[in-house]
PDB file of N, CA and C in Angstrom:
ATOM      1  N   MET A   1      87.758  17.743   6.502  1.00  0.00           N
ATOM      2  CA  MET A   1      88.558  18.544   5.598  1.00  0.00           C
ATOM      3  C   MET A   1      89.843  17.779   5.282  1.00  0.00           C
ATOM      4  N   PRO A   2      90.122  17.544   3.999  1.00  0.00           N
ATOM      5  CA  PRO A   2      91.335  16.802   3.626  1.00  0.00           C
ATOM      6  C   PRO A   2      92.600  17.552   4.016  1.00  0.00           C
ATOM      7  N   LYS A   3      93.631  16.792   4.323  1.00  0.00           N
ATOM      8  CA  LYS A   3      94.941  17.367   4.616  1.00  0.00           C
ATOM      9  C   LYS A   3      95.897  17.022   3.480  1.00  0.00           C
ATOM     10  N   VAL A   4      96.772  17.974   3.181  1.00  0.00           N
ATOM     11  CA  VAL A   4      97.869  17.752   2.249  1.00  0.00           C
ATOM     12  C   VAL A   4      99.144  17.969   3.049  1.00  0.00           C
ATOM     13  N   VAL A   5     100.092  17.063   2.901  1.00  0.00           N
ATOM     14  CA  VAL A   5     101.359  17.160   3.617  1.00  0.00           C
ATOM     15  C   VAL A   5     102.455  17.524   2.622  1.00  0.00           C
ATOM     16  N   TYR A   6     103.127  18.633   2.893  1.00  0.00           N
ATOM     17  CA  TYR A   6     104.222  19.135   2.069  1.00  0.00           C
ATOM     18  C   TYR A   6     105.526  18.832   2.808  1.00  0.00           C
ATOM     19  N   VAL A   7     106.472  18.204   2.113  1.00  0.00           N
ATOM     20  CA  VAL A   7     107.731  17.807   2.730  1.00  0.00           C
ATOM     21  C   VAL A   7     108.863  18.567   2.052  1.00  0.00           C
ATOM     22  N   ASP A   8     109.681  19.255   2.877  1.00  0.00           N
ATOM     23  CA  ASP A   8     110.807  19.992   2.296  1.00  0.00           C
ATOM     24  C   ASP A   8     112.009  19.064   2.121  1.00  0.00           C
ATOM     25  N   ASP A   9     113.059  19.582   1.511  1.00  0.00           N
ATOM     26  CA  ASP A   9     114.208  18.735   1.190  1.00  0.00           C
ATOM     27  C   ASP A   9     114.974  18.265   2.422  1.00  0.00           C
ATOM     28  N   ALA A  10     114.710  18.865   3.582  1.00  0.00           N
ATOM     29  CA  ALA A  10     115.333  18.419   4.829  1.00  0.00           C
ATOM     30  C   ALA A  10     114.466  17.381   5.545  1.00  0.00           C
ATOM     31  N   GLY A  11     113.306  17.067   4.962  1.00  0.00           N
ATOM     32  CA  GLY A  11     112.411  16.083   5.570  1.00  0.00           C
ATOM     33  C   GLY A  11     111.366  16.677   6.490  1.00  0.00           C
ATOM     34  N   GLY A  12     111.377  18.001   6.633  1.00  0.00           N
ATOM     35  CA  GLY A  12     110.373  18.649   7.468  1.00  0.00           C
ATOM     36  C   GLY A  12     109.002  18.579   6.817  1.00  0.00           C
ATOM     37  N   GLU A  13     107.993  18.257   7.606  1.00  0.00           N
ATOM     38  CA  GLU A  13     106.634  18.122   7.084  1.00  0.00           C
ATOM     39  C   GLU A  13     105.748  19.259   7.567  1.00  0.00           C
ATOM     40  N   ARG A  14     104.860  19.678   6.676  1.00  0.00           N
ATOM     41  CA  ARG A  14     103.867  20.699   7.034  1.00  0.00           C
ATOM     42  C   ARG A  14     102.517  20.234   6.509  1.00  0.00           C
ATOM     43  N   ALA A  15     101.615  19.930   7.420  1.00  0.00           N
ATOM     44  CA  ALA A  15     100.269  19.479   7.052  1.00  0.00           C
ATOM     45  C   ALA A  15      99.353  20.692   6.962  1.00  0.00           C
ATOM     46  N   VAL A  16      98.593  20.757   5.871  1.00  0.00           N
ATOM     47  CA  VAL A  16      97.704  21.888   5.614  1.00  0.00           C
ATOM     48  C   VAL A  16      96.294  21.362   5.359  1.00  0.00           C
ATOM     49  N   ASP A  17      95.318  21.968   6.025  1.00  0.00           N
ATOM     50  CA  ASP A  17      93.919  21.656   5.721  1.00  0.00           C
ATOM     51  C   ASP A  17      93.571  22.284   4.386  1.00  0.00           C
ATOM     52  N   ALA A  18      92.985  21.493   3.502  1.00  0.00           N
ATOM     53  CA  ALA A  18      92.613  21.976   2.172  1.00  0.00           C
ATOM     54  C   ALA A  18      91.136  21.699   1.940  1.00  0.00           C
ATOM     55  N   SER A  19      90.502  22.550   1.193  1.00  0.00           N
ATOM     56  CA  SER A  19      89.094  22.365   0.857  1.00  0.00           C
ATOM     57  C   SER A  19      88.957  21.480  -0.370  1.00  0.00           C
ATOM     58  N   VAL A  20      87.926  20.657  -0.387  1.00  0.00           N
ATOM     59  CA  VAL A  20      87.643  19.857  -1.569  1.00  0.00           C
ATOM     60  C   VAL A  20      87.403  20.818  -2.737  1.00  0.00           C
ATOM     61  N   GLY A  21      88.046  20.549  -3.864  1.00  0.00           N
ATOM     62  CA  GLY A  21      87.924  21.405  -5.037  1.00  0.00           C
ATOM     63  C   GLY A  21      89.040  22.426  -5.164  1.00  0.00           C
ATOM     64  N   GLU A  22      89.753  22.674  -4.092  1.00  0.00           N
ATOM     65  CA  GLU A  22      90.887  23.598  -4.104  1.00  0.00           C
ATOM     66  C   GLU A  22      92.089  22.879  -4.716  1.00  0.00           C
ATOM     67  N   SER A  23      93.003  23.620  -5.307  1.00  0.00           N
ATOM     68  CA  SER A  23      94.211  22.982  -5.830  1.00  0.00           C
ATOM     69  C   SER A  23      95.235  22.826  -4.706  1.00  0.00           C
ATOM     70  N   VAL A  24      96.113  21.860  -4.883  1.00  0.00           N
ATOM     71  CA  VAL A  24      97.193  21.644  -3.927  1.00  0.00           C
ATOM     72  C   VAL A  24      98.075  22.892  -3.861  1.00  0.00           C
ATOM     73  N   MET A  25      98.215  23.599  -4.978  1.00  0.00           N
ATOM     74  CA  MET A  25      98.997  24.842  -5.009  1.00  0.00           C
ATOM     75  C   MET A  25      98.331  25.936  -4.195  1.00  0.00           C
ATOM     76  N   SER A  26      97.035  26.142  -4.375  1.00  0.00           N
ATOM     77  CA  SER A  26      96.378  27.240  -3.656  1.00  0.00           C
ATOM     78  C   SER A  26      96.348  26.987  -2.156  1.00  0.00           C
ATOM     79  N   ALA A  27      96.212  25.735  -1.744  1.00  0.00           N
ATOM     80  CA  ALA A  27      96.261  25.413  -0.315  1.00  0.00           C
ATOM     81  C   ALA A  27      97.637  25.758   0.250  1.00  0.00           C
ATOM     82  N   ALA A  28      98.692  25.455  -0.504  1.00  0.00           N
ATOM     83  CA  ALA A  28     100.052  25.750  -0.065  1.00  0.00           C
ATOM     84  C   ALA A  28     100.312  27.244   0.013  1.00  0.00           C
ATOM     85  N   VAL A  29      99.899  27.976  -1.003  1.00  0.00           N
ATOM     86  CA  VAL A  29     100.106  29.426  -1.022  1.00  0.00           C
ATOM     87  C   VAL A  29      99.350  30.083   0.135  1.00  0.00           C
ATOM     88  N   ARG A  30      98.108  29.667   0.335  1.00  0.00           N
ATOM     89  CA  ARG A  30      97.289  30.214   1.430  1.00  0.00           C
ATOM     90  C   ARG A  30      97.955  29.992   2.781  1.00  0.00           C
ATOM     91  N   ALA A  31      98.610  28.823   2.936  1.00  0.00           N
ATOM     92  CA  ALA A  31      99.241  28.469   4.206  1.00  0.00           C
ATOM     93  C   ALA A  31     100.699  28.922   4.302  1.00  0.00           C
ATOM     94  N   GLY A  32     101.222  29.520   3.239  1.00  0.00           N
ATOM     95  CA  GLY A  32     102.594  30.012   3.260  1.00  0.00           C
ATOM     96  C   GLY A  32     103.651  28.914   3.226  1.00  0.00           C
ATOM     97  N   VAL A  33     103.368  27.832   2.531  1.00  0.00           N
ATOM     98  CA  VAL A  33     104.341  26.735   2.424  1.00  0.00           C
ATOM     99  C   VAL A  33     105.524  27.204   1.575  1.00  0.00           C
ATOM    100  N   PRO A  34     106.739  27.186   2.132  1.00  0.00           N
ATOM    101  CA  PRO A  34     107.911  27.604   1.363  1.00  0.00           C
ATOM    102  C   PRO A  34     108.119  26.725   0.130  1.00  0.00           C
ATOM    103  N   GLY A  35     108.465  27.358  -0.988  1.00  0.00           N
ATOM    104  CA  GLY A  35     108.776  26.637  -2.206  1.00  0.00           C
ATOM    105  C   GLY A  35     107.624  26.471  -3.171  1.00  0.00           C
ATOM    106  N   ILE A  36     106.414  26.722  -2.730  1.00  0.00           N
ATOM    107  CA  ILE A  36     105.256  26.686  -3.626  1.00  0.00           C
ATOM    108  C   ILE A  36     104.881  28.139  -3.875  1.00  0.00           C
ATOM    109  N   ILE A  37     105.314  28.642  -5.010  1.00  0.00           N
ATOM    110  CA  ILE A  37     105.161  30.069  -5.300  1.00  0.00           C
ATOM    111  C   ILE A  37     103.852  30.354  -6.021  1.00  0.00           C
ATOM    112  N   GLY A  38     103.540  29.574  -7.038  1.00  0.00           N
ATOM    113  CA  GLY A  38     102.301  29.785  -7.785  1.00  0.00           C
ATOM    114  C   GLY A  38     102.260  31.155  -8.428  1.00  0.00           C
ATOM    115  N   GLU A  39     103.359  31.534  -9.041  1.00  0.00           N
ATOM    116  CA  GLU A  39     103.515  32.866  -9.632  1.00  0.00           C
ATOM    117  C   GLU A  39     102.389  33.239 -10.595  1.00  0.00           C
ATOM    118  N   CYS A  40     101.887  32.279 -11.356  1.00  0.00           N
ATOM    119  CA  CYS A  40     100.844  32.573 -12.341  1.00  0.00           C
ATOM    120  C   CYS A  40      99.439  32.441 -11.761  1.00  0.00           C
ATOM    121  N   GLY A  41      99.354  32.103 -10.472  1.00  0.00           N
ATOM    122  CA  GLY A  41      98.048  31.977  -9.837  1.00  0.00           C
ATOM    123  C   GLY A  41      97.293  30.718 -10.233  1.00  0.00           C
ATOM    124  N   GLY A  42      97.988  29.759 -10.769  1.00  0.00           N
ATOM    125  CA  GLY A  42      97.344  28.504 -11.151  1.00  0.00           C
ATOM    126  C   GLY A  42      96.837  28.479 -12.571  1.00  0.00           C
ATOM    127  N   CYS A  43      97.355  29.354 -13.408  1.00  0.00           N
ATOM    128  CA  CYS A  43      96.909  29.445 -14.805  1.00  0.00           C
ATOM    129  C   CYS A  43      97.703  28.542 -15.745  1.00  0.00           C
ATOM    130  N   LEU A  44      98.527  27.680 -15.192  1.00  0.00           N
ATOM    131  CA  LEU A  44      99.305  26.728 -15.985  1.00  0.00           C
ATOM    132  C   LEU A  44     100.240  27.440 -16.968  1.00  0.00           C
ATOM    133  N   SER A  45     101.010  28.398 -16.405  1.00  0.00           N
ATOM    134  CA  SER A  45     101.921  29.102 -17.296  1.00  0.00           C
ATOM    135  C   SER A  45     103.285  29.413 -16.688  1.00  0.00           C
ATOM    136  N   CYS A  46     103.605  28.868 -15.486  1.00  0.00           N
ATOM    137  CA  CYS A  46     104.902  29.247 -14.928  1.00  0.00           C
ATOM    138  C   CYS A  46     105.730  28.086 -14.387  1.00  0.00           C
ATOM    139  N   GLY A  47     105.154  27.060 -13.847  1.00  0.00           N
ATOM    140  CA  GLY A  47     105.912  25.938 -13.300  1.00  0.00           C
ATOM    141  C   GLY A  47     106.490  26.162 -11.922  1.00  0.00           C
ATOM    142  N   THR A  48     106.091  27.232 -11.216  1.00  0.00           N
ATOM    143  CA  THR A  48     106.648  27.530  -9.891  1.00  0.00           C
ATOM    144  C   THR A  48     105.897  26.834  -8.754  1.00  0.00           C
ATOM    145  N   CYS A  49     105.122  25.831  -9.097  1.00  0.00           N
ATOM    146  CA  CYS A  49     104.414  25.051  -8.078  1.00  0.00           C
ATOM    147  C   CYS A  49     104.711  23.562  -8.240  1.00  0.00           C
ATOM    148  N   HIS A  50     105.869  23.269  -8.827  1.00  0.00           N
ATOM    149  CA  HIS A  50     106.305  21.893  -9.072  1.00  0.00           C
ATOM    150  C   HIS A  50     106.438  21.136  -7.754  1.00  0.00           C
ATOM    151  N   VAL A  51     105.901  19.930  -7.721  1.00  0.00           N
ATOM    152  CA  VAL A  51     106.056  19.033  -6.582  1.00  0.00           C
ATOM    153  C   VAL A  51     106.327  17.628  -7.106  1.00  0.00           C
ATOM    154  N   TRP A  52     106.811  16.772  -6.210  1.00  0.00           N
ATOM    155  CA  TRP A  52     106.964  15.358  -6.500  1.00  0.00           C
ATOM    156  C   TRP A  52     105.926  14.621  -5.677  1.00  0.00           C
ATOM    157  N   VAL A  53     104.964  14.026  -6.341  1.00  0.00           N
ATOM    158  CA  VAL A  53     103.899  13.296  -5.666  1.00  0.00           C
ATOM    159  C   VAL A  53     104.427  11.919  -5.276  1.00  0.00           C
ATOM    160  N   ARG A  54     104.195  11.545  -4.031  1.00  0.00           N
ATOM    161  CA  ARG A  54     104.632  10.231  -3.561  1.00  0.00           C
ATOM    162  C   ARG A  54     103.927   9.130  -4.350  1.00  0.00           C
ATOM    163  N   GLU A  55     104.636   8.048  -4.574  1.00  0.00           N
ATOM    164  CA  GLU A  55     104.176   6.964  -5.445  1.00  0.00           C
ATOM    165  C   GLU A  55     102.791   6.438  -5.074  1.00  0.00           C
ATOM    166  N   GLU A  56     102.498   6.308  -3.804  1.00  0.00           N
ATOM    167  CA  GLU A  56     101.222   5.718  -3.392  1.00  0.00           C
ATOM    168  C   GLU A  56     100.003   6.572  -3.746  1.00  0.00           C
ATOM    169  N   TYR A  57     100.212   7.813  -4.169  1.00  0.00           N
ATOM    170  CA  TYR A  57      99.104   8.702  -4.531  1.00  0.00           C
ATOM    171  C   TYR A  57      98.975   8.944  -6.033  1.00  0.00           C
ATOM    172  N   ARG A  58      99.955   8.563  -6.790  1.00  0.00           N
ATOM    173  CA  ARG A  58      99.991   8.912  -8.218  1.00  0.00           C
ATOM    174  C   ARG A  58      98.811   8.382  -9.005  1.00  0.00           C
ATOM    175  N   ASP A  59      98.364   7.174  -8.717  1.00  0.00           N
ATOM    176  CA  ASP A  59      97.243   6.581  -9.459  1.00  0.00           C
ATOM    177  C   ASP A  59      95.919   7.292  -9.188  1.00  0.00           C
ATOM    178  N   GLN A  60      95.848   8.067  -8.110  1.00  0.00           N
ATOM    179  CA  GLN A  60      94.617   8.763  -7.750  1.00  0.00           C
ATOM    180  C   GLN A  60      94.481  10.117  -8.440  1.00  0.00           C
ATOM    181  N   LEU A  61      95.521  10.545  -9.118  1.00  0.00           N
ATOM    182  CA  LEU A  61      95.507  11.851  -9.779  1.00  0.00           C
ATOM    183  C   LEU A  61      95.030  11.714 -11.214  1.00  0.00           C
ATOM    184  N   GLY A  62      94.546  12.797 -11.749  1.00  0.00           N
ATOM    185  CA  GLY A  62      94.154  12.807 -13.151  1.00  0.00           C
ATOM    186  C   GLY A  62      95.373  12.690 -14.049  1.00  0.00           C
ATOM    187  N   GLU A  63      95.096  12.551 -15.313  1.00  0.00           N
ATOM    188  CA  GLU A  63      96.163  12.430 -16.310  1.00  0.00           C
ATOM    189  C   GLU A  63      96.980  13.721 -16.410  1.00  0.00           C
ATOM    190  N   LEU A  64      98.222  13.559 -16.753  1.00  0.00           N
ATOM    191  CA  LEU A  64      99.118  14.683 -17.002  1.00  0.00           C
ATOM    192  C   LEU A  64      98.771  15.259 -18.371  1.00  0.00           C
ATOM    193  N   GLY A  65      98.378  16.528 -18.401  1.00  0.00           N
ATOM    194  CA  GLY A  65      98.034  17.176 -19.666  1.00  0.00           C
ATOM    195  C   GLY A  65      99.268  17.611 -20.433  1.00  0.00           C
ATOM    196  N   GLU A  66      99.083  17.901 -21.716  1.00  0.00           N
ATOM    197  CA  GLU A  66     100.206  18.275 -22.584  1.00  0.00           C
ATOM    198  C   GLU A  66     100.901  19.551 -22.108  1.00  0.00           C
ATOM    199  N   MET A  67     100.126  20.570 -21.723  1.00  0.00           N
ATOM    200  CA  MET A  67     100.740  21.824 -21.266  1.00  0.00           C
ATOM    201  C   MET A  67     101.505  21.619 -19.962  1.00  0.00           C
ATOM    202  N   GLU A  68     100.924  20.851 -19.046  1.00  0.00           N
ATOM    203  CA  GLU A  68     101.618  20.567 -17.794  1.00  0.00           C
ATOM    204  C   GLU A  68     102.915  19.807 -18.072  1.00  0.00           C
ATOM    205  N   ASP A  69     102.855  18.844 -18.953  1.00  0.00           N
ATOM    206  CA  ASP A  69     104.021  18.059 -19.336  1.00  0.00           C
ATOM    207  C   ASP A  69     105.126  18.973 -19.869  1.00  0.00           C
ATOM    208  N   ASP A  70     104.764  19.909 -20.736  1.00  0.00           N
ATOM    209  CA  ASP A  70     105.746  20.845 -21.300  1.00  0.00           C
ATOM    210  C   ASP A  70     106.351  21.735 -20.212  1.00  0.00           C
ATOM    211  N   LEU A  71     105.517  22.246 -19.311  1.00  0.00           N
ATOM    212  CA  LEU A  71     106.021  23.121 -18.252  1.00  0.00           C
ATOM    213  C   LEU A  71     106.932  22.389 -17.278  1.00  0.00           C
ATOM    214  N   LEU A  72     106.658  21.122 -17.048  1.00  0.00           N
ATOM    215  CA  LEU A  72     107.513  20.358 -16.142  1.00  0.00           C
ATOM    216  C   LEU A  72     108.928  20.228 -16.680  1.00  0.00           C
ATOM    217  N   ASP A  73     109.085  20.302 -17.988  1.00  0.00           N
ATOM    218  CA  ASP A  73     110.422  20.277 -18.577  1.00  0.00           C
ATOM    219  C   ASP A  73     111.202  21.540 -18.222  1.00  0.00           C
ATOM    220  N   LEU A  74     110.485  22.612 -17.884  1.00  0.00           N
ATOM    221  CA  LEU A  74     111.112  23.889 -17.556  1.00  0.00           C
ATOM    222  C   LEU A  74     111.160  24.158 -16.056  1.00  0.00           C
ATOM    223  N   ALA A  75     110.624  23.254 -15.261  1.00  0.00           N
ATOM    224  CA  ALA A  75     110.551  23.458 -13.806  1.00  0.00           C
ATOM    225  C   ALA A  75     111.940  23.558 -13.198  1.00  0.00           C
ATOM    226  N   VAL A  76     112.012  24.217 -12.056  1.00  0.00           N
ATOM    227  CA  VAL A  76     113.289  24.436 -11.387  1.00  0.00           C
ATOM    228  C   VAL A  76     113.873  23.125 -10.859  1.00  0.00           C
ATOM    229  N   GLY A  77     113.082  22.331 -10.168  1.00  0.00           N
ATOM    230  CA  GLY A  77     113.566  21.072  -9.610  1.00  0.00           C
ATOM    231  C   GLY A  77     113.667  19.992 -10.670  1.00  0.00           C
ATOM    232  N   ASP A  78     114.453  18.976 -10.374  1.00  0.00           N
ATOM    233  CA  ASP A  78     114.600  17.844 -11.294  1.00  0.00           C
ATOM    234  C   ASP A  78     113.244  17.224 -11.594  1.00  0.00           C
ATOM    235  N   ARG A  79     113.046  16.864 -12.834  1.00  0.00           N
ATOM    236  CA  ARG A  79     111.826  16.157 -13.203  1.00  0.00           C
ATOM    237  C   ARG A  79     111.986  14.688 -12.829  1.00  0.00           C
ATOM    238  N   ARG A  80     110.982  14.161 -12.131  1.00  0.00           N
ATOM    239  CA  ARG A  80     110.992  12.768 -11.683  1.00  0.00           C
ATOM    240  C   ARG A  80     109.676  12.115 -12.079  1.00  0.00           C
ATOM    241  N   ALA A  81     109.571  10.818 -11.803  1.00  0.00           N
ATOM    242  CA  ALA A  81     108.359  10.075 -12.141  1.00  0.00           C
ATOM    243  C   ALA A  81     107.113  10.708 -11.518  1.00  0.00           C
ATOM    244  N   GLY A  82     107.209  11.252 -10.322  1.00  0.00           N
ATOM    245  CA  GLY A  82     106.054  11.841  -9.643  1.00  0.00           C
ATOM    246  C   GLY A  82     105.906  13.333  -9.845  1.00  0.00           C
ATOM    247  N   SER A  83     106.647  13.921 -10.766  1.00  0.00           N
ATOM    248  CA  SER A  83     106.577  15.364 -10.986  1.00  0.00           C
ATOM    249  C   SER A  83     105.197  15.783 -11.466  1.00  0.00           C
ATOM    250  N   ARG A  84     104.650  16.779 -10.796  1.00  0.00           N
ATOM    251  CA  ARG A  84     103.374  17.379 -11.187  1.00  0.00           C
ATOM    252  C   ARG A  84     103.417  18.855 -10.827  1.00  0.00           C
ATOM    253  N   LEU A  85     102.575  19.631 -11.487  1.00  0.00           N
ATOM    254  CA  LEU A  85     102.365  21.017 -11.075  1.00  0.00           C
ATOM    255  C   LEU A  85     101.208  20.980 -10.087  1.00  0.00           C
ATOM    256  N   SER A  86     101.440  21.486  -8.896  1.00  0.00           N
ATOM    257  CA  SER A  86     100.425  21.366  -7.854  1.00  0.00           C
ATOM    258  C   SER A  86      99.161  22.163  -8.155  1.00  0.00           C
ATOM    259  N   CYS A  87      99.241  23.104  -9.097  1.00  0.00           N
ATOM    260  CA  CYS A  87      98.035  23.838  -9.494  1.00  0.00           C
ATOM    261  C   CYS A  87      97.075  22.954 -10.285  1.00  0.00           C
ATOM    262  N   GLN A  88      97.572  21.819 -10.767  1.00  0.00           N
ATOM    263  CA  GLN A  88      96.762  20.923 -11.581  1.00  0.00           C
ATOM    264  C   GLN A  88      96.240  19.725 -10.784  1.00  0.00           C
ATOM    265  N   ILE A  89      96.507  19.709  -9.491  1.00  0.00           N
ATOM    266  CA  ILE A  89      96.015  18.635  -8.631  1.00  0.00           C
ATOM    267  C   ILE A  89      94.867  19.177  -7.794  1.00  0.00           C
ATOM    268  N   GLU A  90      93.674  18.693  -8.072  1.00  0.00           N
ATOM    269  CA  GLU A  90      92.493  19.120  -7.323  1.00  0.00           C
ATOM    270  C   GLU A  90      92.332  18.248  -6.088  1.00  0.00           C
ATOM    271  N   VAL A  91      92.153  18.896  -4.947  1.00  0.00           N
ATOM    272  CA  VAL A  91      91.961  18.182  -3.695  1.00  0.00           C
ATOM    273  C   VAL A  91      90.586  17.521  -3.695  1.00  0.00           C
ATOM    274  N   THR A  92      90.569  16.247  -3.348  1.00  0.00           N
ATOM    275  CA  THR A  92      89.326  15.493  -3.189  1.00  0.00           C
ATOM    276  C   THR A  92      89.359  14.833  -1.819  1.00  0.00           C
ATOM    277  N   ALA A  93      88.226  14.359  -1.367  1.00  0.00           N
ATOM    278  CA  ALA A  93      88.170  13.651  -0.087  1.00  0.00           C
ATOM    279  C   ALA A  93      89.071  12.420  -0.117  1.00  0.00           C
ATOM    280  N   GLU A  94      89.144  11.775  -1.275  1.00  0.00           N
ATOM    281  CA  GLU A  94      89.967  10.569  -1.424  1.00  0.00           C
ATOM    282  C   GLU A  94      91.465  10.869  -1.317  1.00  0.00           C
ATOM    283  N   LEU A  95      91.855  12.107  -1.561  1.00  0.00           N
ATOM    284  CA  LEU A  95      93.270  12.483  -1.477  1.00  0.00           C
ATOM    285  C   LEU A  95      93.674  12.943  -0.081  1.00  0.00           C
ATOM    286  N   ASP A  96      92.793  12.771   0.903  1.00  0.00           N
ATOM    287  CA  ASP A  96      93.126  13.146   2.278  1.00  0.00           C
ATOM    288  C   ASP A  96      94.422  12.452   2.689  1.00  0.00           C
ATOM    289  N   GLY A  97      95.398  13.230   3.128  1.00  0.00           N
ATOM    290  CA  GLY A  97      96.693  12.690   3.523  1.00  0.00           C
ATOM    291  C   GLY A  97      97.726  12.689   2.413  1.00  0.00           C
ATOM    292  N   LEU A  98      97.364  13.247   1.244  1.00  0.00           N
ATOM    293  CA  LEU A  98      98.299  13.335   0.117  1.00  0.00           C
ATOM    294  C   LEU A  98      99.628  13.904   0.583  1.00  0.00           C
ATOM    295  N   VAL A  99     100.716  13.253   0.180  1.00  0.00           N
ATOM    296  CA  VAL A  99     102.056  13.717   0.535  1.00  0.00           C
ATOM    297  C   VAL A  99     102.797  14.099  -0.737  1.00  0.00           C
ATOM    298  N   VAL A 100     103.317  15.320  -0.749  1.00  0.00           N
ATOM    299  CA  VAL A 100     104.110  15.804  -1.874  1.00  0.00           C
ATOM    300  C   VAL A 100     105.421  16.370  -1.356  1.00  0.00           C
ATOM    301  N   ASP A 101     106.470  16.156  -2.123  1.00  0.00           N
ATOM    302  CA  ASP A 101     107.777  16.712  -1.789  1.00  0.00           C
ATOM    303  C   ASP A 101     107.993  17.975  -2.601  1.00  0.00           C
ATOM    304  N   VAL A 102     108.531  19.000  -1.937  1.00  0.00           N
ATOM    305  CA  VAL A 102     108.793  20.285  -2.591  1.00  0.00           C
ATOM    306  C   VAL A 102     110.282  20.358  -2.924  1.00  0.00           C
ATOM    307  N   PRO A 103     110.612  20.568  -4.205  1.00  0.00           N
ATOM    308  CA  PRO A 103     112.034  20.666  -4.575  1.00  0.00           C
ATOM    309  C   PRO A 103     112.735  21.796  -3.816  1.00  0.00           C
ATOM    310  N   GLY A 104     113.880  21.482  -3.242  1.00  0.00           N
ATOM    311  CA  GLY A 104     114.635  22.465  -2.470  1.00  0.00           C
ATOM    312  C   GLY A 104     115.048  23.670  -3.281  1.00  0.00           C
ATOM    313  N   GLU A 105     115.240  23.469  -4.586  1.00  0.00           N
ATOM    314  CA  GLU A 105     115.658  24.564  -5.457  1.00  0.00           C
ATOM    315  C   GLU A 105     114.601  25.656  -5.572  1.00  0.00           C
ATOM    316  N   GLN A 106     113.355  25.326  -5.268  1.00  0.00           N
ATOM    317  CA  GLN A 106     112.276  26.307  -5.358  1.00  0.00           C
ATOM    318  C   GLN A 106     112.171  27.178  -4.125  1.00  0.00           C
ATOM    319  N   VAL A 107     112.721  26.733  -3.016  1.00  0.00           N
ATOM    320  CA  VAL A 107     112.624  27.467  -1.768  1.00  0.00           C
ATOM    321  C   VAL A 107     113.589  28.633  -1.795  1.00  0.00           C
ATOM    322  N   VAL A 108     113.041  29.828  -1.596  1.00  0.00           N
ATOM    323  CA  VAL A 108     113.886  31.027  -1.603  1.00  0.00           C
ATOM    324  C   VAL A 108     113.926  31.677  -0.249  1.00  0.00           C
TER     325      VAL A 108
END
């Protein structure tokens, strides 16, 4: 079972077992990861699952779609080179160990 590691703004790490085919957002919500809200349930309409994907994993992700790109402009945390909506990242066996940073501004 692939693991996804969520890192908060203080550097604290939380590793979550995720199922292949599940989104990085749904794995976080299921595990109660602070800062990953997923208000729209992964329907690509809210931006409350913004993460910063670490550079070493970016090439393994699919292309950034137009709607995701637009929503990232409205995300709470600063937009960076690795900004993605975690609802749009599908967990695969190859992504085992994926590390994403959660913007501190999203943690309530």
